[in-house]
Amino acid sequence: MSAAAAMAAGSRREFDFAPADHQAIAKIVYDTLGILLPEGKAQLVYGRVAPRVRACGVASVSEYLRIVAQDDEERGRMLDALTTNHTSFFREAHHFEDFVERMWPTLAQRLASGGRVRLWSAACSSGEEPYTWLMAALGSDKNAAQRLLKGDLRLLATDVSPSVLDTARAGRYSADTLRTVPAKLRATWVDSRLTVDPLLRDAISFRPLNLLGPWPMKGRFDAICCRNVMIYFDEPTKAKLQGRLADHLETGGMLYIGHSERLSPDVAKRFECVGRTAYLKVRA
């Protein structure tokens, strides 16, 4: 944004918002979440922070930042407001098609014989991705699905944003949001109140998790979806996250990333690319 444009935007703002305020917020977000907020994002940052400034009853973003520095809960609310949570049902559907064809027959057989299956939807946002994953795998035969869901199948779904996790746990969506679910699956897994069937909700553990922070999970996963979150990271942060994801994936497991994302060279050596941003782990 040019200096003239910045001044024009500033004159229309409800609260004072100096370049130093944007820099301070960008540093907090980068240090905590790894997300980059360059100067060109200043208007977006202001738009998302302004409601919190208003809620706290102060007249400027700099005053609000003094509150954030002393109040961990408000800091969390600010970070929540600044995360991007764009998602949809059956987004990049080729990943779920690959999983169903490549992984699911073996995993379903394992479940049927008493084995365990672990899946992870990292940065799950408001839940569309993990619900899609189970719908695609289980299909529209609810009786067969119930038998599999009685086995040791768990899908971990994590996100840094508490507000979107609340939506995900509730599993209730608008008709417009659900329109991308194939009709047969929608009839099987979504009720008349537009709420996802409890069978699916009970199979998913929605948990808060900062991908840059400590991970409490001890075991490895058979497949991981971590899609369209690394676009907000710089290269060192991407490489570090990808290495950790690889460490938490079984050899022979699948990693799915976003369509515009790529594995760093060192991490790529541990995988074989078997489809569009679909990677089979071949080395520990």
C-alpha atoms as a PDB file:
ATOM      1  CA  MET A   1       0.000   0.000   0.000  1.00  0.00           C
ATOM      2  CA  SER A   2       1.363   3.430  -0.969  1.00  0.00           C
ATOM      3  CA  ALA A   3       1.790   6.200   1.608  1.00  0.00           C
ATOM      4  CA  ALA A   4      -1.142   8.082   0.069  1.00  0.00           C
ATOM      5  CA  ALA A   5      -3.363   5.010   0.159  1.00  0.00           C
ATOM      6  CA  ALA A   6      -2.351   4.313   3.737  1.00  0.00           C
ATOM      7  CA  MET A   7      -3.273   7.866   4.761  1.00  0.00           C
ATOM      8  CA  ALA A   8      -6.639   7.568   2.989  1.00  0.00           C
ATOM      9  CA  ALA A   9      -7.359   4.268   4.715  1.00  0.00           C
ATOM     10  CA  GLY A  10      -6.266   5.722   8.049  1.00  0.00           C
ATOM     11  CA  SER A  11      -8.680   8.621   7.696  1.00  0.00           C
ATOM     12  CA  ARG A  12     -11.571   6.161   7.391  1.00  0.00           C
ATOM     13  CA  ARG A  13     -10.571   4.004  10.341  1.00  0.00           C
ATOM     14  CA  GLU A  14     -12.423   3.988  13.618  1.00  0.00           C
ATOM     15  CA  PHE A  15      -9.206   3.455  15.615  1.00  0.00           C
ATOM     16  CA  ASP A  16      -5.675   4.806  15.280  1.00  0.00           C
ATOM     17  CA  PHE A  17      -3.496   2.189  13.602  1.00  0.00           C
ATOM     18  CA  ALA A  18       0.131   3.139  13.022  1.00  0.00           C
ATOM     19  CA  PRO A  19       2.688   1.180  10.956  1.00  0.00           C
ATOM     20  CA  ALA A  20       4.427   0.296  14.218  1.00  0.00           C
ATOM     21  CA  ASP A  21       1.189  -1.315  15.434  1.00  0.00           C
ATOM     22  CA  HIS A  22       1.056  -3.540  12.369  1.00  0.00           C
ATOM     23  CA  GLN A  23       4.706  -4.489  12.836  1.00  0.00           C
ATOM     24  CA  ALA A  24       4.104  -5.382  16.486  1.00  0.00           C
ATOM     25  CA  ILE A  25       1.101  -7.563  15.613  1.00  0.00           C
ATOM     26  CA  ALA A  26       2.968  -9.213  12.750  1.00  0.00           C
ATOM     27  CA  LYS A  27       5.829 -10.101  15.102  1.00  0.00           C
ATOM     28  CA  ILE A  28       3.480 -11.658  17.674  1.00  0.00           C
ATOM     29  CA  VAL A  29       1.745 -13.716  14.988  1.00  0.00           C
ATOM     30  CA  TYR A  30       5.001 -14.855  13.379  1.00  0.00           C
ATOM     31  CA  ASP A  31       6.677 -15.725  16.677  1.00  0.00           C
ATOM     32  CA  THR A  32       3.626 -17.656  17.887  1.00  0.00           C
ATOM     33  CA  LEU A  33       2.126 -19.211  14.766  1.00  0.00           C
ATOM     34  CA  GLY A  34       4.764 -18.825  12.058  1.00  0.00           C
ATOM     35  CA  ILE A  35       2.316 -16.898   9.869  1.00  0.00           C
ATOM     36  CA  LEU A  36       3.702 -14.046   7.776  1.00  0.00           C
ATOM     37  CA  LEU A  37       1.782 -10.745   7.739  1.00  0.00           C
ATOM     38  CA  PRO A  38       3.727  -8.365   5.475  1.00  0.00           C
ATOM     39  CA  GLU A  39       2.929  -4.662   5.180  1.00  0.00           C
ATOM     40  CA  GLY A  40       0.542  -5.360   2.310  1.00  0.00           C
ATOM     41  CA  LYS A  41      -1.722  -7.159   4.794  1.00  0.00           C
ATOM     42  CA  ALA A  42      -2.107  -4.091   7.023  1.00  0.00           C
ATOM     43  CA  GLN A  43      -5.728  -3.420   6.064  1.00  0.00           C
ATOM     44  CA  LEU A  44      -6.653  -7.079   6.603  1.00  0.00           C
ATOM     45  CA  VAL A  45      -4.963  -7.016  10.015  1.00  0.00           C
ATOM     46  CA  TYR A  46      -6.796  -3.852  11.002  1.00  0.00           C
ATOM     47  CA  GLY A  47     -10.135  -5.264   9.864  1.00  0.00           C
ATOM     48  CA  ARG A  48      -9.716  -8.357  12.005  1.00  0.00           C
ATOM     49  CA  VAL A  49      -8.303  -6.622  15.068  1.00  0.00           C
ATOM     50  CA  ALA A  50     -10.722  -3.665  15.144  1.00  0.00           C
ATOM     51  CA  PRO A  51     -13.628  -5.643  16.694  1.00  0.00           C
ATOM     52  CA  ARG A  52     -11.354  -6.698  19.543  1.00  0.00           C
ATOM     53  CA  VAL A  53     -10.199  -3.097  20.068  1.00  0.00           C
ATOM     54  CA  ARG A  54     -13.858  -2.064  20.238  1.00  0.00           C
ATOM     55  CA  ALA A  55     -14.699  -4.891  22.654  1.00  0.00           C
ATOM     56  CA  CYS A  56     -11.900  -3.783  24.975  1.00  0.00           C
ATOM     57  CA  GLY A  57     -13.155  -0.194  25.001  1.00  0.00           C
ATOM     58  CA  VAL A  58      -9.924   1.538  23.936  1.00  0.00           C
ATOM     59  CA  ALA A  59      -9.329   4.196  21.285  1.00  0.00           C
ATOM     60  CA  SER A  60      -6.311   2.880  19.403  1.00  0.00           C
ATOM     61  CA  VAL A  61      -4.588  -0.306  18.365  1.00  0.00           C
ATOM     62  CA  SER A  62      -1.506   0.700  20.350  1.00  0.00           C
ATOM     63  CA  GLU A  63      -3.619   0.835  23.529  1.00  0.00           C
ATOM     64  CA  TYR A  64      -5.072  -2.552  22.625  1.00  0.00           C
ATOM     65  CA  LEU A  65      -1.581  -3.988  22.227  1.00  0.00           C
ATOM     66  CA  ARG A  66      -0.783  -2.921  25.785  1.00  0.00           C
ATOM     67  CA  ILE A  67      -3.741  -5.030  26.913  1.00  0.00           C
ATOM     68  CA  VAL A  68      -2.569  -7.958  24.788  1.00  0.00           C
ATOM     69  CA  ALA A  69       0.871  -7.754  26.405  1.00  0.00           C
ATOM     70  CA  GLN A  70      -0.667  -8.245  29.864  1.00  0.00           C
ATOM     71  CA  ASP A  71      -3.662 -10.490  29.152  1.00  0.00           C
ATOM     72  CA  ASP A  72      -3.000 -13.974  27.731  1.00  0.00           C
ATOM     73  CA  GLU A  73      -6.694 -14.584  27.078  1.00  0.00           C
ATOM     74  CA  GLU A  74      -7.002 -11.436  24.987  1.00  0.00           C
ATOM     75  CA  ARG A  75      -3.790 -12.337  23.182  1.00  0.00           C
ATOM     76  CA  GLY A  76      -5.420 -15.646  22.293  1.00  0.00           C
ATOM     77  CA  ARG A  77      -8.523 -13.876  21.021  1.00  0.00           C
ATOM     78  CA  MET A  78      -6.386 -11.637  18.815  1.00  0.00           C
ATOM     79  CA  LEU A  79      -4.511 -14.609  17.365  1.00  0.00           C
ATOM     80  CA  ASP A  80      -7.804 -16.396  16.761  1.00  0.00           C
ATOM     81  CA  ALA A  81      -9.138 -13.374  14.887  1.00  0.00           C
ATOM     82  CA  LEU A  82      -6.013 -13.204  12.708  1.00  0.00           C
ATOM     83  CA  THR A  83      -6.036 -16.812  11.517  1.00  0.00           C
ATOM     84  CA  THR A  84      -7.497 -17.567   8.083  1.00  0.00           C
ATOM     85  CA  ASN A  85     -10.053 -20.372   8.065  1.00  0.00           C
ATOM     86  CA  HIS A  86     -11.124 -20.894   4.473  1.00  0.00           C
ATOM     87  CA  THR A  87     -12.224 -24.464   3.762  1.00  0.00           C
ATOM     88  CA  SER A  88     -15.039 -26.494   2.200  1.00  0.00           C
ATOM     89  CA  PHE A  89     -16.380 -30.020   1.947  1.00  0.00           C
ATOM     90  CA  PHE A  90     -14.552 -32.148  -0.646  1.00  0.00           C
ATOM     91  CA  ARG A  91     -11.998 -29.418  -1.299  1.00  0.00           C
ATOM     92  CA  GLU A  92      -9.229 -30.841  -3.513  1.00  0.00           C
ATOM     93  CA  ALA A  93     -11.243 -34.053  -3.758  1.00  0.00           C
ATOM     94  CA  HIS A  94      -8.431 -35.908  -5.543  1.00  0.00           C
ATOM     95  CA  HIS A  95      -6.716 -36.388  -2.176  1.00  0.00           C
ATOM     96  CA  PHE A  96      -9.692 -38.251  -0.736  1.00  0.00           C
ATOM     97  CA  GLU A  97     -10.032 -40.284  -3.931  1.00  0.00           C
ATOM     98  CA  ASP A  98      -6.369 -41.255  -3.657  1.00  0.00           C
ATOM     99  CA  PHE A  99      -6.763 -42.222  -0.006  1.00  0.00           C
ATOM    100  CA  VAL A 100      -9.842 -44.365  -0.691  1.00  0.00           C
ATOM    101  CA  GLU A 101      -8.121 -46.176  -3.572  1.00  0.00           C
ATOM    102  CA  ARG A 102      -4.595 -46.456  -2.188  1.00  0.00           C
ATOM    103  CA  MET A 103      -4.923 -46.729   1.580  1.00  0.00           C
ATOM    104  CA  TRP A 104      -8.450 -47.494   2.669  1.00  0.00           C
ATOM    105  CA  PRO A 105      -8.820 -51.138   1.525  1.00  0.00           C
ATOM    106  CA  THR A 106      -5.815 -52.163   3.638  1.00  0.00           C
ATOM    107  CA  LEU A 107      -6.821 -49.979   6.578  1.00  0.00           C
ATOM    108  CA  ALA A 108     -10.433 -51.196   6.512  1.00  0.00           C
ATOM    109  CA  GLN A 109      -9.226 -54.792   6.524  1.00  0.00           C
ATOM    110  CA  ARG A 110      -6.962 -53.971   9.461  1.00  0.00           C
ATOM    111  CA  LEU A 111      -9.911 -52.519  11.371  1.00  0.00           C
ATOM    112  CA  ALA A 112     -12.072 -55.529  10.597  1.00  0.00           C
ATOM    113  CA  SER A 113      -9.405 -57.836  12.022  1.00  0.00           C
ATOM    114  CA  GLY A 114      -9.023 -55.847  15.244  1.00  0.00           C
ATOM    115  CA  GLY A 115      -6.128 -53.536  14.292  1.00  0.00           C
ATOM    116  CA  ARG A 116      -5.813 -49.799  14.818  1.00  0.00           C
ATOM    117  CA  VAL A 117      -6.013 -46.950  12.309  1.00  0.00           C
ATOM    118  CA  ARG A 118      -4.930 -43.386  13.055  1.00  0.00           C
ATOM    119  CA  LEU A 119      -5.521 -40.370  10.790  1.00  0.00           C
ATOM    120  CA  TRP A 120      -4.693 -36.705  11.354  1.00  0.00           C
ATOM    121  CA  SER A 121      -6.309 -33.647   9.837  1.00  0.00           C
ATOM    122  CA  ALA A 122      -3.839 -30.884  10.760  1.00  0.00           C
ATOM    123  CA  ALA A 123      -5.195 -27.317  10.543  1.00  0.00           C
ATOM    124  CA  CYS A 124      -8.719 -28.728  10.213  1.00  0.00           C
ATOM    125  CA  SER A 125     -10.439 -25.322  10.446  1.00  0.00           C
ATOM    126  CA  SER A 126     -14.217 -25.649  10.931  1.00  0.00           C
ATOM    127  CA  GLY A 127     -14.261 -29.402  10.360  1.00  0.00           C
ATOM    128  CA  GLU A 128     -15.197 -29.849   6.719  1.00  0.00           C
ATOM    129  CA  GLU A 129     -11.943 -31.668   5.931  1.00  0.00           C
ATOM    130  CA  PRO A 130     -12.115 -34.426   8.594  1.00  0.00           C
ATOM    131  CA  TYR A 131     -15.831 -35.007   7.984  1.00  0.00           C
ATOM    132  CA  THR A 132     -15.144 -35.247   4.245  1.00  0.00           C
ATOM    133  CA  TRP A 133     -12.345 -37.710   4.899  1.00  0.00           C
ATOM    134  CA  LEU A 134     -14.587 -40.100   6.830  1.00  0.00           C
ATOM    135  CA  MET A 135     -17.519 -39.713   4.442  1.00  0.00           C
ATOM    136  CA  ALA A 136     -15.284 -40.531   1.475  1.00  0.00           C
ATOM    137  CA  ALA A 137     -13.775 -43.569   3.198  1.00  0.00           C
ATOM    138  CA  LEU A 138     -16.968 -44.995   4.695  1.00  0.00           C
ATOM    139  CA  GLY A 139     -19.256 -44.307   1.749  1.00  0.00           C
ATOM    140  CA  SER A 140     -23.042 -44.533   1.843  1.00  0.00           C
ATOM    141  CA  ASP A 141     -23.449 -48.044   3.308  1.00  0.00           C
ATOM    142  CA  LYS A 142     -24.187 -47.049   6.875  1.00  0.00           C
ATOM    143  CA  ASN A 143     -24.390 -50.577   8.238  1.00  0.00           C
ATOM    144  CA  ALA A 144     -20.911 -51.408   6.936  1.00  0.00           C
ATOM    145  CA  ALA A 145     -19.654 -48.062   8.211  1.00  0.00           C
ATOM    146  CA  GLN A 146     -21.033 -48.761  11.688  1.00  0.00           C
ATOM    147  CA  ARG A 147     -19.127 -52.030  11.848  1.00  0.00           C
ATOM    148  CA  LEU A 148     -15.875 -50.282  10.935  1.00  0.00           C
ATOM    149  CA  LEU A 149     -16.496 -47.417  13.344  1.00  0.00           C
ATOM    150  CA  LYS A 150     -16.811 -49.922  16.174  1.00  0.00           C
ATOM    151  CA  GLY A 151     -13.152 -50.766  15.547  1.00  0.00           C
ATOM    152  CA  ASP A 152     -10.070 -48.877  16.696  1.00  0.00           C
ATOM    153  CA  LEU A 153     -10.384 -45.989  14.239  1.00  0.00           C
ATOM    154  CA  ARG A 154      -9.597 -42.464  15.388  1.00  0.00           C
ATOM    155  CA  LEU A 155      -9.228 -39.292  13.377  1.00  0.00           C
ATOM    156  CA  LEU A 156      -7.412 -36.482  15.162  1.00  0.00           C
ATOM    157  CA  ALA A 157      -8.451 -33.039  13.898  1.00  0.00           C
ATOM    158  CA  THR A 158      -6.484 -30.054  15.187  1.00  0.00           C
ATOM    159  CA  ASP A 159      -6.472 -26.319  14.715  1.00  0.00           C
ATOM    160  CA  VAL A 160      -5.000 -23.323  16.503  1.00  0.00           C
ATOM    161  CA  SER A 161      -8.334 -21.466  16.486  1.00  0.00           C
ATOM    162  CA  PRO A 162     -10.748 -22.264  19.337  1.00  0.00           C
ATOM    163  CA  SER A 163     -13.686 -20.638  17.553  1.00  0.00           C
ATOM    164  CA  VAL A 164     -13.494 -22.829  14.449  1.00  0.00           C
ATOM    165  CA  LEU A 165     -13.051 -25.936  16.603  1.00  0.00           C
ATOM    166  CA  ASP A 166     -16.352 -25.110  18.308  1.00  0.00           C
ATOM    167  CA  THR A 167     -18.019 -25.092  14.886  1.00  0.00           C
ATOM    168  CA  ALA A 168     -16.303 -28.351  13.952  1.00  0.00           C
ATOM    169  CA  ARG A 169     -17.414 -30.126  17.132  1.00  0.00           C
ATOM    170  CA  ALA A 170     -21.014 -29.027  16.625  1.00  0.00           C
ATOM    171  CA  GLY A 171     -20.941 -30.374  13.068  1.00  0.00           C
ATOM    172  CA  ARG A 172     -23.773 -28.123  11.922  1.00  0.00           C
ATOM    173  CA  TYR A 173     -23.421 -26.303   8.619  1.00  0.00           C
ATOM    174  CA  SER A 174     -25.453 -24.160   6.260  1.00  0.00           C
ATOM    175  CA  ALA A 175     -27.147 -25.653   3.221  1.00  0.00           C
ATOM    176  CA  ASP A 176     -24.766 -23.666   1.022  1.00  0.00           C
ATOM    177  CA  THR A 177     -21.730 -25.085   2.818  1.00  0.00           C
ATOM    178  CA  LEU A 178     -23.064 -28.634   2.413  1.00  0.00           C
ATOM    179  CA  ARG A 179     -23.843 -28.308  -1.290  1.00  0.00           C
ATOM    180  CA  THR A 180     -20.420 -29.731  -2.277  1.00  0.00           C
ATOM    181  CA  VAL A 181     -21.129 -33.004  -0.450  1.00  0.00           C
ATOM    182  CA  PRO A 182     -22.293 -35.614  -3.016  1.00  0.00           C
ATOM    183  CA  ALA A 183     -26.040 -36.199  -2.688  1.00  0.00           C
ATOM    184  CA  LYS A 184     -25.768 -39.861  -1.671  1.00  0.00           C
ATOM    185  CA  LEU A 185     -23.261 -39.093   1.084  1.00  0.00           C
ATOM    186  CA  ARG A 186     -25.256 -36.087   2.241  1.00  0.00           C
ATOM    187  CA  ALA A 187     -28.371 -38.259   2.556  1.00  0.00           C
ATOM    188  CA  THR A 188     -26.394 -40.817   4.577  1.00  0.00           C
ATOM    189  CA  TRP A 189     -24.411 -38.582   6.901  1.00  0.00           C
ATOM    190  CA  VAL A 190     -26.299 -35.263   7.290  1.00  0.00           C
ATOM    191  CA  ASP A 191     -29.693 -35.015   8.980  1.00  0.00           C
ATOM    192  CA  SER A 192     -32.615 -32.683   8.322  1.00  0.00           C
ATOM    193  CA  ARG A 193     -31.165 -30.114  10.733  1.00  0.00           C
ATOM    194  CA  LEU A 194     -28.027 -29.980   8.551  1.00  0.00           C
ATOM    195  CA  THR A 195     -25.974 -31.637  11.286  1.00  0.00           C
ATOM    196  CA  VAL A 196     -23.348 -34.316  10.676  1.00  0.00           C
ATOM    197  CA  ASP A 197     -24.261 -37.757  12.020  1.00  0.00           C
ATOM    198  CA  PRO A 198     -22.998 -38.431  15.584  1.00  0.00           C
ATOM    199  CA  LEU A 199     -21.308 -41.608  14.296  1.00  0.00           C
ATOM    200  CA  LEU A 200     -18.841 -39.428  12.410  1.00  0.00           C
ATOM    201  CA  ARG A 201     -18.538 -36.770  15.104  1.00  0.00           C
ATOM    202  CA  ASP A 202     -17.738 -39.408  17.732  1.00  0.00           C
ATOM    203  CA  ALA A 203     -14.981 -40.863  15.559  1.00  0.00           C
ATOM    204  CA  ILE A 204     -13.141 -37.514  15.435  1.00  0.00           C
ATOM    205  CA  SER A 205     -11.174 -35.924  18.267  1.00  0.00           C
ATOM    206  CA  PHE A 206     -11.143 -32.153  17.763  1.00  0.00           C
ATOM    207  CA  ARG A 207      -8.239 -30.654  19.699  1.00  0.00           C
ATOM    208  CA  PRO A 208      -6.471 -27.256  19.838  1.00  0.00           C
ATOM    209  CA  LEU A 209      -2.915 -27.416  18.529  1.00  0.00           C
ATOM    210  CA  ASN A 210      -0.340 -24.882  17.369  1.00  0.00           C
ATOM    211  CA  LEU A 211       1.648 -26.604  14.631  1.00  0.00           C
ATOM    212  CA  LEU A 212       4.739 -24.674  15.734  1.00  0.00           C
ATOM    213  CA  GLY A 213       4.352 -25.607  19.399  1.00  0.00           C
ATOM    214  CA  PRO A 214       4.734 -28.878  21.318  1.00  0.00           C
ATOM    215  CA  TRP A 215       2.838 -31.881  19.992  1.00  0.00           C
ATOM    216  CA  PRO A 216       1.442 -34.253  22.638  1.00  0.00           C
ATOM    217  CA  MET A 217       0.864 -37.141  20.204  1.00  0.00           C
ATOM    218  CA  LYS A 218       3.158 -40.103  20.844  1.00  0.00           C
ATOM    219  CA  GLY A 219       2.132 -42.587  18.159  1.00  0.00           C
ATOM    220  CA  ARG A 220       2.401 -42.352  14.373  1.00  0.00           C
ATOM    221  CA  PHE A 221      -0.364 -41.849  11.847  1.00  0.00           C
ATOM    222  CA  ASP A 222      -1.321 -43.879   8.801  1.00  0.00           C
ATOM    223  CA  ALA A 223      -2.150 -40.704   6.865  1.00  0.00           C
ATOM    224  CA  ILE A 224      -1.931 -36.975   7.476  1.00  0.00           C
ATOM    225  CA  CYS A 225      -3.707 -34.090   5.732  1.00  0.00           C
ATOM    226  CA  CYS A 226      -1.924 -30.772   6.238  1.00  0.00           C
ATOM    227  CA  ARG A 227      -3.288 -28.676   3.423  1.00  0.00           C
ATOM    228  CA  ASN A 228      -3.204 -24.979   2.564  1.00  0.00           C
ATOM    229  CA  VAL A 229      -1.629 -23.837   5.810  1.00  0.00           C
ATOM    230  CA  MET A 230       2.025 -23.784   4.769  1.00  0.00           C
ATOM    231  CA  ILE A 231       1.293 -21.067   2.204  1.00  0.00           C
ATOM    232  CA  TYR A 232       1.381 -18.646   5.155  1.00  0.00           C
ATOM    233  CA  PHE A 233       4.863 -19.759   6.317  1.00  0.00           C
ATOM    234  CA  ASP A 234       8.390 -18.877   5.253  1.00  0.00           C
ATOM    235  CA  GLU A 235      10.711 -21.579   3.912  1.00  0.00           C
ATOM    236  CA  PRO A 236      12.507 -22.444   7.191  1.00  0.00           C
ATOM    237  CA  THR A 237       9.174 -22.792   8.998  1.00  0.00           C
ATOM    238  CA  LYS A 238       7.786 -24.984   6.205  1.00  0.00           C
ATOM    239  CA  ALA A 239      10.835 -27.266   6.271  1.00  0.00           C
ATOM    240  CA  LYS A 240      10.686 -27.656  10.052  1.00  0.00           C
ATOM    241  CA  LEU A 241       6.965 -28.449  10.026  1.00  0.00           C
ATOM    242  CA  GLN A 242       7.288 -30.923   7.170  1.00  0.00           C
ATOM    243  CA  GLY A 243      10.082 -32.745   8.991  1.00  0.00           C
ATOM    244  CA  ARG A 244       7.923 -33.079  12.089  1.00  0.00           C
ATOM    245  CA  LEU A 245       4.974 -34.317  10.024  1.00  0.00           C
ATOM    246  CA  ALA A 246       7.222 -36.935   8.414  1.00  0.00           C
ATOM    247  CA  ASP A 247       8.431 -38.068  11.840  1.00  0.00           C
ATOM    248  CA  HIS A 248       4.813 -38.594  12.951  1.00  0.00           C
ATOM    249  CA  LEU A 249       3.864 -40.614   9.878  1.00  0.00           C
ATOM    250  CA  GLU A 250       4.242 -44.370   9.509  1.00  0.00           C
ATOM    251  CA  THR A 251       6.561 -45.558   6.759  1.00  0.00           C
ATOM    252  CA  GLY A 252       4.132 -46.518   4.025  1.00  0.00           C
ATOM    253  CA  GLY A 253       1.732 -43.776   5.154  1.00  0.00           C
ATOM    254  CA  MET A 254       0.441 -40.880   3.083  1.00  0.00           C
ATOM    255  CA  LEU A 255       0.960 -37.132   3.445  1.00  0.00           C
ATOM    256  CA  TYR A 256      -1.414 -34.803   1.601  1.00  0.00           C
ATOM    257  CA  ILE A 257      -0.571 -31.098   1.249  1.00  0.00           C
ATOM    258  CA  GLY A 258      -2.208 -28.170  -0.548  1.00  0.00           C
ATOM    259  CA  HIS A 259      -2.199 -27.767  -4.322  1.00  0.00           C
ATOM    260  CA  SER A 260       0.253 -24.843  -4.252  1.00  0.00           C
ATOM    261  CA  GLU A 261       2.556 -26.343  -1.628  1.00  0.00           C
ATOM    262  CA  ARG A 262       5.735 -28.367  -2.137  1.00  0.00           C
ATOM    263  CA  LEU A 263       7.986 -30.435   0.105  1.00  0.00           C
ATOM    264  CA  SER A 264      11.377 -28.995   1.012  1.00  0.00           C
ATOM    265  CA  PRO A 265      14.301 -30.823  -0.659  1.00  0.00           C
ATOM    266  CA  ASP A 266      15.514 -32.567   2.515  1.00  0.00           C
ATOM    267  CA  VAL A 267      12.049 -33.782   3.477  1.00  0.00           C
ATOM    268  CA  ALA A 268      11.205 -34.813  -0.099  1.00  0.00           C
ATOM    269  CA  LYS A 269      13.958 -37.463   0.088  1.00  0.00           C
ATOM    270  CA  ARG A 270      11.797 -39.374   2.567  1.00  0.00           C
ATOM    271  CA  PHE A 271       8.796 -39.502   0.224  1.00  0.00           C
ATOM    272  CA  GLU A 272       7.712 -40.619  -3.210  1.00  0.00           C
ATOM    273  CA  CYS A 273       5.282 -38.328  -5.003  1.00  0.00           C
ATOM    274  CA  VAL A 274       2.445 -40.613  -6.133  1.00  0.00           C
ATOM    275  CA  GLY A 275      -0.173 -38.049  -7.157  1.00  0.00           C
ATOM    276  CA  ARG A 276      -1.035 -34.363  -7.102  1.00  0.00           C
ATOM    277  CA  THR A 277       0.577 -33.170  -3.838  1.00  0.00           C
ATOM    278  CA  ALA A 278       0.144 -36.726  -2.525  1.00  0.00           C
ATOM    279  CA  TYR A 279       3.268 -38.228  -0.958  1.00  0.00           C
ATOM    280  CA  LEU A 280       3.994 -41.798   0.144  1.00  0.00           C
ATOM    281  CA  LYS A 281       6.529 -42.044   2.954  1.00  0.00           C
ATOM    282  CA  VAL A 282       9.212 -44.483   1.836  1.00  0.00           C
ATOM    283  CA  ARG A 283      12.057 -43.733   4.280  1.00  0.00           C
ATOM    284  CA  ALA A 284      12.086 -43.273   8.045  1.00  0.00           C
END
